[in-house]
Amino acid sequence: MATESPSSVEKVIIHLRAVGAAPRLIKDKFKISGSEKFAKVIDFLGKQLHSDSVFVYVNSAFSPNPDELVIDLFNNFGIGGKLVVNYASSMAWG
């Protein structure tokens, strides 16, 4: 039986920030298991915004691959103990 490494089950704080005309969420911070794929964050935002199309960016810089693990993004791009995820209803950055 395979065991997960301690860092993969670590909880990561996601801080969601609206960009442009995207509506703000009432709860803009939540925890997610580091072993989850980033696609889960995208799906969550789509449900919260009642939209099939949502554009997400890490640190206002790039749009990660949905298959990336949340812990990997956090370890490489986390700031102040959080992974900052900007979201928009239309493309905000190229």
PDB file of N, CA and C in Angstrom:
ATOM      1  N   MET A   1       0.839  -1.176   0.000  1.00  0.00           N
ATOM      2  CA  MET A   1       0.000   0.000   0.000  1.00  0.00           C
ATOM      3  C   MET A   1       0.881   1.235   0.000  1.00  0.00           C
ATOM      4  N   ALA A   2       0.609   2.151  -0.924  1.00  0.00           N
ATOM      5  CA  ALA A   2       1.416   3.369  -1.025  1.00  0.00           C
ATOM      6  C   ALA A   2       0.964   4.365   0.030  1.00  0.00           C
ATOM      7  N   THR A   3       1.922   5.045   0.596  1.00  0.00           N
ATOM      8  CA  THR A   3       1.587   6.082   1.569  1.00  0.00           C
ATOM      9  C   THR A   3       1.916   7.428   0.970  1.00  0.00           C
ATOM     10  N   GLU A   4       1.147   8.423   1.339  1.00  0.00           N
ATOM     11  CA  GLU A   4       1.384   9.764   0.840  1.00  0.00           C
ATOM     12  C   GLU A   4       2.435  10.441   1.696  1.00  0.00           C
ATOM     13  N   SER A   5       3.236  11.285   1.047  1.00  0.00           N
ATOM     14  CA  SER A   5       4.243  12.011   1.805  1.00  0.00           C
ATOM     15  C   SER A   5       3.543  13.062   2.657  1.00  0.00           C
ATOM     16  N   PRO A   6       4.150  13.475   3.774  1.00  0.00           N
ATOM     17  CA  PRO A   6       3.504  14.456   4.649  1.00  0.00           C
ATOM     18  C   PRO A   6       3.156  15.756   3.938  1.00  0.00           C
ATOM     19  N   SER A   7       3.982  16.192   2.977  1.00  0.00           N
ATOM     20  CA  SER A   7       3.703  17.466   2.316  1.00  0.00           C
ATOM     21  C   SER A   7       2.503  17.379   1.388  1.00  0.00           C
ATOM     22  N   SER A   8       2.185  16.182   0.874  1.00  0.00           N
ATOM     23  CA  SER A   8       1.068  16.065  -0.059  1.00  0.00           C
ATOM     24  C   SER A   8      -0.285  16.113   0.641  1.00  0.00           C
ATOM     25  N   VAL A   9      -0.339  15.823   1.940  1.00  0.00           N
ATOM     26  CA  VAL A   9      -1.606  15.873   2.655  1.00  0.00           C
ATOM     27  C   VAL A   9      -1.741  17.175   3.456  1.00  0.00           C
ATOM     28  N   GLU A  10      -0.754  18.021   3.375  1.00  0.00           N
ATOM     29  CA  GLU A  10      -0.787  19.308   4.056  1.00  0.00           C
ATOM     30  C   GLU A  10      -1.925  20.158   3.491  1.00  0.00           C
ATOM     31  N   LYS A  11      -2.594  20.885   4.356  1.00  0.00           N
ATOM     32  CA  LYS A  11      -3.649  21.792   3.923  1.00  0.00           C
ATOM     33  C   LYS A  11      -3.019  23.092   3.453  1.00  0.00           C
ATOM     34  N   VAL A  12      -3.543  23.620   2.362  1.00  0.00           N
ATOM     35  CA  VAL A  12      -3.043  24.866   1.786  1.00  0.00           C
ATOM     36  C   VAL A  12      -4.155  25.903   1.866  1.00  0.00           C
ATOM     37  N   ILE A  13      -3.812  27.109   2.290  1.00  0.00           N
ATOM     38  CA  ILE A  13      -4.781  28.210   2.322  1.00  0.00           C
ATOM     39  C   ILE A  13      -4.796  28.866   0.950  1.00  0.00           C
ATOM     40  N   ILE A  14      -5.974  28.915   0.348  1.00  0.00           N
ATOM     41  CA  ILE A  14      -6.171  29.568  -0.949  1.00  0.00           C
ATOM     42  C   ILE A  14      -6.844  30.909  -0.679  1.00  0.00           C
ATOM     43  N   HIS A  15      -6.255  31.986  -1.191  1.00  0.00           N
ATOM     44  CA  HIS A  15      -6.847  33.320  -1.068  1.00  0.00           C
ATOM     45  C   HIS A  15      -7.337  33.732  -2.449  1.00  0.00           C
ATOM     46  N   LEU A  16      -8.653  33.851  -2.609  1.00  0.00           N
ATOM     47  CA  LEU A  16      -9.271  34.179  -3.888  1.00  0.00           C
ATOM     48  C   LEU A  16      -9.469  35.687  -3.996  1.00  0.00           C
ATOM     49  N   ARG A  17      -9.014  36.255  -5.107  1.00  0.00           N
ATOM     50  CA  ARG A  17      -9.150  37.702  -5.342  1.00  0.00           C
ATOM     51  C   ARG A  17      -9.816  37.935  -6.692  1.00  0.00           C
ATOM     52  N   ALA A  18     -10.896  38.704  -6.680  1.00  0.00           N
ATOM     53  CA  ALA A  18     -11.612  39.032  -7.910  1.00  0.00           C
ATOM     54  C   ALA A  18     -10.819  40.044  -8.724  1.00  0.00           C
ATOM     55  N   VAL A  19     -10.903  39.915 -10.046  1.00  0.00           N
ATOM     56  CA  VAL A  19     -10.239  40.832 -10.967  1.00  0.00           C
ATOM     57  C   VAL A  19     -11.295  41.383 -11.916  1.00  0.00           C
ATOM     58  N   GLY A  20     -11.196  42.654 -12.225  1.00  0.00           N
ATOM     59  CA  GLY A  20     -12.119  43.272 -13.175  1.00  0.00           C
ATOM     60  C   GLY A  20     -13.551  43.249 -12.675  1.00  0.00           C
ATOM     61  N   ALA A  21     -14.470  42.831 -13.549  1.00  0.00           N
ATOM     62  CA  ALA A  21     -15.897  42.837 -13.235  1.00  0.00           C
ATOM     63  C   ALA A  21     -16.363  41.554 -12.545  1.00  0.00           C
ATOM     64  N   ALA A  22     -15.453  40.662 -12.220  1.00  0.00           N
ATOM     65  CA  ALA A  22     -15.847  39.415 -11.546  1.00  0.00           C
ATOM     66  C   ALA A  22     -16.408  39.728 -10.158  1.00  0.00           C
ATOM     67  N   PRO A  23     -17.499  39.072  -9.786  1.00  0.00           N
ATOM     68  CA  PRO A  23     -18.069  39.326  -8.464  1.00  0.00           C
ATOM     69  C   PRO A  23     -17.167  38.800  -7.352  1.00  0.00           C
ATOM     70  N   ARG A  24     -17.152  39.504  -6.256  1.00  0.00           N
ATOM     71  CA  ARG A  24     -16.367  39.061  -5.100  1.00  0.00           C
ATOM     72  C   ARG A  24     -17.128  37.983  -4.349  1.00  0.00           C
ATOM     73  N   LEU A  25     -16.374  37.050  -3.804  1.00  0.00           N
ATOM     74  CA  LEU A  25     -16.978  35.994  -2.997  1.00  0.00           C
ATOM     75  C   LEU A  25     -17.054  36.450  -1.548  1.00  0.00           C
ATOM     76  N   ILE A  26     -18.084  36.032  -0.850  1.00  0.00           N
ATOM     77  CA  ILE A  26     -18.223  36.384   0.556  1.00  0.00           C
ATOM     78  C   ILE A  26     -17.080  35.763   1.349  1.00  0.00           C
ATOM     79  N   LYS A  27     -16.811  34.494   1.079  1.00  0.00           N
ATOM     80  CA  LYS A  27     -15.700  33.814   1.740  1.00  0.00           C
ATOM     81  C   LYS A  27     -14.568  33.706   0.720  1.00  0.00           C
ATOM     82  N   ASP A  28     -13.520  34.496   0.908  1.00  0.00           N
ATOM     83  CA  ASP A  28     -12.443  34.539  -0.086  1.00  0.00           C
ATOM     84  C   ASP A  28     -11.202  33.739   0.311  1.00  0.00           C
ATOM     85  N   LYS A  29     -11.249  33.060   1.448  1.00  0.00           N
ATOM     86  CA  LYS A  29     -10.141  32.206   1.861  1.00  0.00           C
ATOM     87  C   LYS A  29     -10.704  30.856   2.282  1.00  0.00           C
ATOM     88  N   PHE A  30     -10.028  29.791   1.867  1.00  0.00           N
ATOM     89  CA  PHE A  30     -10.416  28.454   2.295  1.00  0.00           C
ATOM     90  C   PHE A  30      -9.199  27.543   2.250  1.00  0.00           C
ATOM     91  N   LYS A  31      -9.324  26.401   2.908  1.00  0.00           N
ATOM     92  CA  LYS A  31      -8.240  25.420   2.941  1.00  0.00           C
ATOM     93  C   LYS A  31      -8.603  24.251   2.044  1.00  0.00           C
ATOM     94  N   ILE A  32      -7.572  23.714   1.397  1.00  0.00           N
ATOM     95  CA  ILE A  32      -7.736  22.558   0.529  1.00  0.00           C
ATOM     96  C   ILE A  32      -6.529  21.652   0.723  1.00  0.00           C
ATOM     97  N   SER A  33      -6.725  20.377   0.566  1.00  0.00           N
ATOM     98  CA  SER A  33      -5.626  19.424   0.695  1.00  0.00           C
ATOM     99  C   SER A  33      -4.603  19.673  -0.413  1.00  0.00           C
ATOM    100  N   GLY A  34      -3.338  19.646  -0.052  1.00  0.00           N
ATOM    101  CA  GLY A  34      -2.272  19.855  -1.014  1.00  0.00           C
ATOM    102  C   GLY A  34      -2.219  18.789  -2.081  1.00  0.00           C
ATOM    103  N   SER A  35      -2.805  17.624  -1.821  1.00  0.00           N
ATOM    104  CA  SER A  35      -2.783  16.537  -2.796  1.00  0.00           C
ATOM    105  C   SER A  35      -3.844  16.699  -3.880  1.00  0.00           C
ATOM    106  N   GLU A  36      -4.712  17.698  -3.747  1.00  0.00           N
ATOM    107  CA  GLU A  36      -5.748  17.945  -4.752  1.00  0.00           C
ATOM    108  C   GLU A  36      -5.141  18.623  -5.977  1.00  0.00           C
ATOM    109  N   LYS A  37      -5.764  18.388  -7.127  1.00  0.00           N
ATOM    110  CA  LYS A  37      -5.342  19.059  -8.347  1.00  0.00           C
ATOM    111  C   LYS A  37      -5.957  20.448  -8.388  1.00  0.00           C
ATOM    112  N   PHE A  38      -5.282  21.372  -9.084  1.00  0.00           N
ATOM    113  CA  PHE A  38      -5.760  22.746  -9.184  1.00  0.00           C
ATOM    114  C   PHE A  38      -7.138  22.807  -9.854  1.00  0.00           C
ATOM    115  N   ALA A  39      -7.478  21.798 -10.624  1.00  0.00           N
ATOM    116  CA  ALA A  39      -8.790  21.737 -11.268  1.00  0.00           C
ATOM    117  C   ALA A  39      -9.921  21.840 -10.245  1.00  0.00           C
ATOM    118  N   LYS A  40      -9.693  21.351  -9.037  1.00  0.00           N
ATOM    119  CA  LYS A  40     -10.724  21.428  -7.997  1.00  0.00           C
ATOM    120  C   LYS A  40     -10.995  22.885  -7.610  1.00  0.00           C
ATOM    121  N   VAL A  41      -9.963  23.715  -7.585  1.00  0.00           N
ATOM    122  CA  VAL A  41     -10.133  25.144  -7.298  1.00  0.00           C
ATOM    123  C   VAL A  41     -10.926  25.801  -8.428  1.00  0.00           C
ATOM    124  N   ILE A  42     -10.601  25.454  -9.668  1.00  0.00           N
ATOM    125  CA  ILE A  42     -11.303  26.011 -10.825  1.00  0.00           C
ATOM    126  C   ILE A  42     -12.776  25.610 -10.794  1.00  0.00           C
ATOM    127  N   ASP A  43     -13.050  24.347 -10.517  1.00  0.00           N
ATOM    128  CA  ASP A  43     -14.433  23.866 -10.440  1.00  0.00           C
ATOM    129  C   ASP A  43     -15.200  24.570  -9.327  1.00  0.00           C
ATOM    130  N   PHE A  44     -14.562  24.741  -8.176  1.00  0.00           N
ATOM    131  CA  PHE A  44     -15.184  25.436  -7.046  1.00  0.00           C
ATOM    132  C   PHE A  44     -15.570  26.860  -7.444  1.00  0.00           C
ATOM    133  N   LEU A  45     -14.649  27.563  -8.083  1.00  0.00           N
ATOM    134  CA  LEU A  45     -14.939  28.940  -8.502  1.00  0.00           C
ATOM    135  C   LEU A  45     -16.083  28.981  -9.513  1.00  0.00           C
ATOM    136  N   GLY A  46     -16.086  28.058 -10.456  1.00  0.00           N
ATOM    137  CA  GLY A  46     -17.164  28.015 -11.441  1.00  0.00           C
ATOM    138  C   GLY A  46     -18.523  27.834 -10.791  1.00  0.00           C
ATOM    139  N   LYS A  47     -18.590  26.970  -9.782  1.00  0.00           N
ATOM    140  CA  LYS A  47     -19.850  26.747  -9.071  1.00  0.00           C
ATOM    141  C   LYS A  47     -20.258  27.975  -8.266  1.00  0.00           C
ATOM    142  N   GLN A  48     -19.290  28.595  -7.586  1.00  0.00           N
ATOM    143  CA  GLN A  48     -19.593  29.767  -6.773  1.00  0.00           C
ATOM    144  C   GLN A  48     -20.058  30.956  -7.624  1.00  0.00           C
ATOM    145  N   LEU A  49     -19.485  31.069  -8.812  1.00  0.00           N
ATOM    146  CA  LEU A  49     -19.816  32.190  -9.702  1.00  0.00           C
ATOM    147  C   LEU A  49     -20.943  31.846 -10.677  1.00  0.00           C
ATOM    148  N   HIS A  50     -21.441  30.597 -10.621  1.00  0.00           N
ATOM    149  CA  HIS A  50     -22.495  30.125 -11.527  1.00  0.00           C
ATOM    150  C   HIS A  50     -22.103  30.381 -12.974  1.00  0.00           C
ATOM    151  N   SER A  51     -20.876  29.969 -13.302  1.00  0.00           N
ATOM    152  CA  SER A  51     -20.335  30.213 -14.633  1.00  0.00           C
ATOM    153  C   SER A  51     -19.580  28.982 -15.129  1.00  0.00           C
ATOM    154  N   ASP A  52     -19.715  28.722 -16.425  1.00  0.00           N
ATOM    155  CA  ASP A  52     -18.955  27.634 -17.032  1.00  0.00           C
ATOM    156  C   ASP A  52     -17.552  28.096 -17.401  1.00  0.00           C
ATOM    157  N   SER A  53     -17.377  29.405 -17.489  1.00  0.00           N
ATOM    158  CA  SER A  53     -16.092  29.961 -17.913  1.00  0.00           C
ATOM    159  C   SER A  53     -15.532  30.887 -16.835  1.00  0.00           C
ATOM    160  N   VAL A  54     -14.418  30.479 -16.276  1.00  0.00           N
ATOM    161  CA  VAL A  54     -13.741  31.313 -15.281  1.00  0.00           C
ATOM    162  C   VAL A  54     -12.245  31.279 -15.597  1.00  0.00           C
ATOM    163  N   PHE A  55     -11.608  32.425 -15.527  1.00  0.00           N
ATOM    164  CA  PHE A  55     -10.184  32.530 -15.802  1.00  0.00           C
ATOM    165  C   PHE A  55      -9.454  32.705 -14.478  1.00  0.00           C
ATOM    166  N   VAL A  56      -8.472  31.851 -14.229  1.00  0.00           N
ATOM    167  CA  VAL A  56      -7.753  31.885 -12.960  1.00  0.00           C
ATOM    168  C   VAL A  56      -6.260  32.093 -13.189  1.00  0.00           C
ATOM    169  N   TYR A  57      -5.656  32.819 -12.263  1.00  0.00           N
ATOM    170  CA  TYR A  57      -4.241  33.153 -12.344  1.00  0.00           C
ATOM    171  C   TYR A  57      -3.634  33.042 -10.950  1.00  0.00           C
ATOM    172  N   VAL A  58      -2.408  32.606 -10.883  1.00  0.00           N
ATOM    173  CA  VAL A  58      -1.686  32.567  -9.618  1.00  0.00           C
ATOM    174  C   VAL A  58      -0.827  33.815  -9.545  1.00  0.00           C
ATOM    175  N   ASN A  59      -0.981  34.583  -8.459  1.00  0.00           N
ATOM    176  CA  ASN A  59      -0.208  35.803  -8.219  1.00  0.00           C
ATOM    177  C   ASN A  59      -0.296  36.799  -9.369  1.00  0.00           C
ATOM    178  N   SER A  60      -1.443  36.883 -10.030  1.00  0.00           N
ATOM    179  CA  SER A  60      -1.663  37.805 -11.147  1.00  0.00           C
ATOM    180  C   SER A  60      -0.657  37.614 -12.266  1.00  0.00           C
ATOM    181  N   ALA A  61      -0.073  36.421 -12.374  1.00  0.00           N
ATOM    182  CA  ALA A  61       1.012  36.233 -13.322  1.00  0.00           C
ATOM    183  C   ALA A  61       0.747  35.179 -14.394  1.00  0.00           C
ATOM    184  N   PHE A  62       0.230  34.022 -14.020  1.00  0.00           N
ATOM    185  CA  PHE A  62       0.065  32.942 -14.994  1.00  0.00           C
ATOM    186  C   PHE A  62      -1.110  32.069 -14.610  1.00  0.00           C
ATOM    187  N   SER A  63      -1.594  31.353 -15.608  1.00  0.00           N
ATOM    188  CA  SER A  63      -2.695  30.425 -15.402  1.00  0.00           C
ATOM    189  C   SER A  63      -2.117  29.015 -15.340  1.00  0.00           C
ATOM    190  N   PRO A  64      -2.170  28.382 -14.178  1.00  0.00           N
ATOM    191  CA  PRO A  64      -1.565  27.052 -14.046  1.00  0.00           C
ATOM    192  C   PRO A  64      -2.363  25.967 -14.755  1.00  0.00           C
ATOM    193  N   ASN A  65      -1.684  24.885 -15.056  1.00  0.00           N
ATOM    194  CA  ASN A  65      -2.311  23.709 -15.638  1.00  0.00           C
ATOM    195  C   ASN A  65      -3.265  23.117 -14.601  1.00  0.00           C
ATOM    196  N   PRO A  66      -4.492  22.768 -14.989  1.00  0.00           N
ATOM    197  CA  PRO A  66      -5.444  22.184 -14.036  1.00  0.00           C
ATOM    198  C   PRO A  66      -4.941  20.904 -13.370  1.00  0.00           C
ATOM    199  N   ASP A  67      -3.990  20.213 -13.990  1.00  0.00           N
ATOM    200  CA  ASP A  67      -3.468  18.970 -13.423  1.00  0.00           C
ATOM    201  C   ASP A  67      -2.369  19.190 -12.384  1.00  0.00           C
ATOM    202  N   GLU A  68      -1.938  20.429 -12.185  1.00  0.00           N
ATOM    203  CA  GLU A  68      -0.915  20.728 -11.181  1.00  0.00           C
ATOM    204  C   GLU A  68      -1.461  20.435  -9.787  1.00  0.00           C
ATOM    205  N   LEU A  69      -0.628  19.924  -8.922  1.00  0.00           N
ATOM    206  CA  LEU A  69      -1.027  19.725  -7.533  1.00  0.00           C
ATOM    207  C   LEU A  69      -0.983  21.057  -6.797  1.00  0.00           C
ATOM    208  N   VAL A  70      -1.955  21.273  -5.934  1.00  0.00           N
ATOM    209  CA  VAL A  70      -2.036  22.516  -5.170  1.00  0.00           C
ATOM    210  C   VAL A  70      -0.768  22.719  -4.330  1.00  0.00           C
ATOM    211  N   ILE A  71      -0.238  21.650  -3.730  1.00  0.00           N
ATOM    212  CA  ILE A  71       0.956  21.778  -2.884  1.00  0.00           C
ATOM    213  C   ILE A  71       2.161  22.223  -3.692  1.00  0.00           C
ATOM    214  N   ASP A  72       2.270  21.772  -4.943  1.00  0.00           N
ATOM    215  CA  ASP A  72       3.394  22.191  -5.783  1.00  0.00           C
ATOM    216  C   ASP A  72       3.300  23.676  -6.109  1.00  0.00           C
ATOM    217  N   LEU A  73       2.104  24.140  -6.428  1.00  0.00           N
ATOM    218  CA  LEU A  73       1.919  25.568  -6.695  1.00  0.00           C
ATOM    219  C   LEU A  73       2.228  26.392  -5.448  1.00  0.00           C
ATOM    220  N   PHE A  74       1.747  25.912  -4.302  1.00  0.00           N
ATOM    221  CA  PHE A  74       1.999  26.624  -3.048  1.00  0.00           C
ATOM    222  C   PHE A  74       3.493  26.682  -2.727  1.00  0.00           C
ATOM    223  N   ASN A  75       4.191  25.555  -2.862  1.00  0.00           N
ATOM    224  CA  ASN A  75       5.619  25.516  -2.543  1.00  0.00           C
ATOM    225  C   ASN A  75       6.438  26.437  -3.441  1.00  0.00           C
ATOM    226  N   ASN A  76       6.003  26.606  -4.681  1.00  0.00           N
ATOM    227  CA  ASN A  76       6.759  27.431  -5.622  1.00  0.00           C
ATOM    228  C   ASN A  76       6.298  28.881  -5.694  1.00  0.00           C
ATOM    229  N   PHE A  77       5.017  29.135  -5.436  1.00  0.00           N
ATOM    230  CA  PHE A  77       4.474  30.475  -5.649  1.00  0.00           C
ATOM    231  C   PHE A  77       3.690  31.033  -4.470  1.00  0.00           C
ATOM    232  N   GLY A  78       3.639  30.312  -3.357  1.00  0.00           N
ATOM    233  CA  GLY A  78       2.917  30.791  -2.183  1.00  0.00           C
ATOM    234  C   GLY A  78       3.579  32.027  -1.592  1.00  0.00           C
ATOM    235  N   ILE A  79       2.748  32.921  -1.073  1.00  0.00           N
ATOM    236  CA  ILE A  79       3.230  34.161  -0.458  1.00  0.00           C
ATOM    237  C   ILE A  79       2.559  34.301   0.901  1.00  0.00           C
ATOM    238  N   GLY A  80       3.356  34.501   1.940  1.00  0.00           N
ATOM    239  CA  GLY A  80       2.805  34.729   3.272  1.00  0.00           C
ATOM    240  C   GLY A  80       1.952  33.582   3.779  1.00  0.00           C
ATOM    241  N   GLY A  81       2.299  32.359   3.433  1.00  0.00           N
ATOM    242  CA  GLY A  81       1.551  31.205   3.913  1.00  0.00           C
ATOM    243  C   GLY A  81       0.271  30.915   3.150  1.00  0.00           C
ATOM    244  N   LYS A  82       0.045  31.617   2.021  1.00  0.00           N
ATOM    245  CA  LYS A  82      -1.175  31.429   1.222  1.00  0.00           C
ATOM    246  C   LYS A  82      -0.809  31.309  -0.247  1.00  0.00           C
ATOM    247  N   LEU A  83      -1.689  30.680  -1.001  1.00  0.00           N
ATOM    248  CA  LEU A  83      -1.588  30.675  -2.453  1.00  0.00           C
ATOM    249  C   LEU A  83      -2.636  31.654  -2.954  1.00  0.00           C
ATOM    250  N   VAL A  84      -2.183  32.752  -3.547  1.00  0.00           N
ATOM    251  CA  VAL A  84      -3.095  33.786  -4.037  1.00  0.00           C
ATOM    252  C   VAL A  84      -3.561  33.403  -5.435  1.00  0.00           C
ATOM    253  N   VAL A  85      -4.880  33.273  -5.579  1.00  0.00           N
ATOM    254  CA  VAL A  85      -5.495  32.923  -6.861  1.00  0.00           C
ATOM    255  C   VAL A  85      -6.420  34.062  -7.271  1.00  0.00           C
ATOM    256  N   ASN A  86      -6.071  34.711  -8.375  1.00  0.00           N
ATOM    257  CA  ASN A  86      -6.912  35.766  -8.935  1.00  0.00           C
ATOM    258  C   ASN A  86      -7.863  35.115  -9.927  1.00  0.00           C
ATOM    259  N   TYR A  87      -9.095  35.604  -9.990  1.00  0.00           N
ATOM    260  CA  TYR A  87     -10.068  35.044 -10.923  1.00  0.00           C
ATOM    261  C   TYR A  87     -10.828  36.153 -11.611  1.00  0.00           C
ATOM    262  N   ALA A  88     -11.250  35.869 -12.844  1.00  0.00           N
ATOM    263  CA  ALA A  88     -11.966  36.853 -13.648  1.00  0.00           C
ATOM    264  C   ALA A  88     -13.001  36.140 -14.502  1.00  0.00           C
ATOM    265  N   SER A  89     -14.000  36.903 -14.952  1.00  0.00           N
ATOM    266  CA  SER A  89     -15.021  36.324 -15.817  1.00  0.00           C
ATOM    267  C   SER A  89     -14.632  36.445 -17.290  1.00  0.00           C
ATOM    268  N   SER A  90     -13.588  37.228 -17.583  1.00  0.00           N
ATOM    269  CA  SER A  90     -13.025  37.315 -18.931  1.00  0.00           C
ATOM    270  C   SER A  90     -11.513  37.354 -18.783  1.00  0.00           C
ATOM    271  N   MET A  91     -10.790  37.107 -19.872  1.00  0.00           N
ATOM    272  CA  MET A  91      -9.346  37.036 -19.804  1.00  0.00           C
ATOM    273  C   MET A  91      -8.778  38.361 -19.278  1.00  0.00           C
ATOM    274  N   ALA A  92      -7.965  38.266 -18.231  1.00  0.00           N
ATOM    275  CA  ALA A  92      -7.431  39.471 -17.604  1.00  0.00           C
ATOM    276  C   ALA A  92      -5.975  39.723 -18.001  1.00  0.00           C
ATOM    277  N   TRP A  93      -5.199  38.673 -18.064  1.00  0.00           N
ATOM    278  CA  TRP A  93      -3.792  38.781 -18.438  1.00  0.00           C
ATOM    279  C   TRP A  93      -3.519  37.762 -19.522  1.00  0.00           C
ATOM    280  N   GLY A  94      -2.554  38.064 -20.385  1.00  0.00           N
ATOM    281  CA  GLY A  94      -2.223  37.149 -21.484  1.00  0.00           C
ATOM    282  C   GLY A  94      -1.409  36.054 -21.014  1.00  0.00           C
TER     283      GLY A  94
END
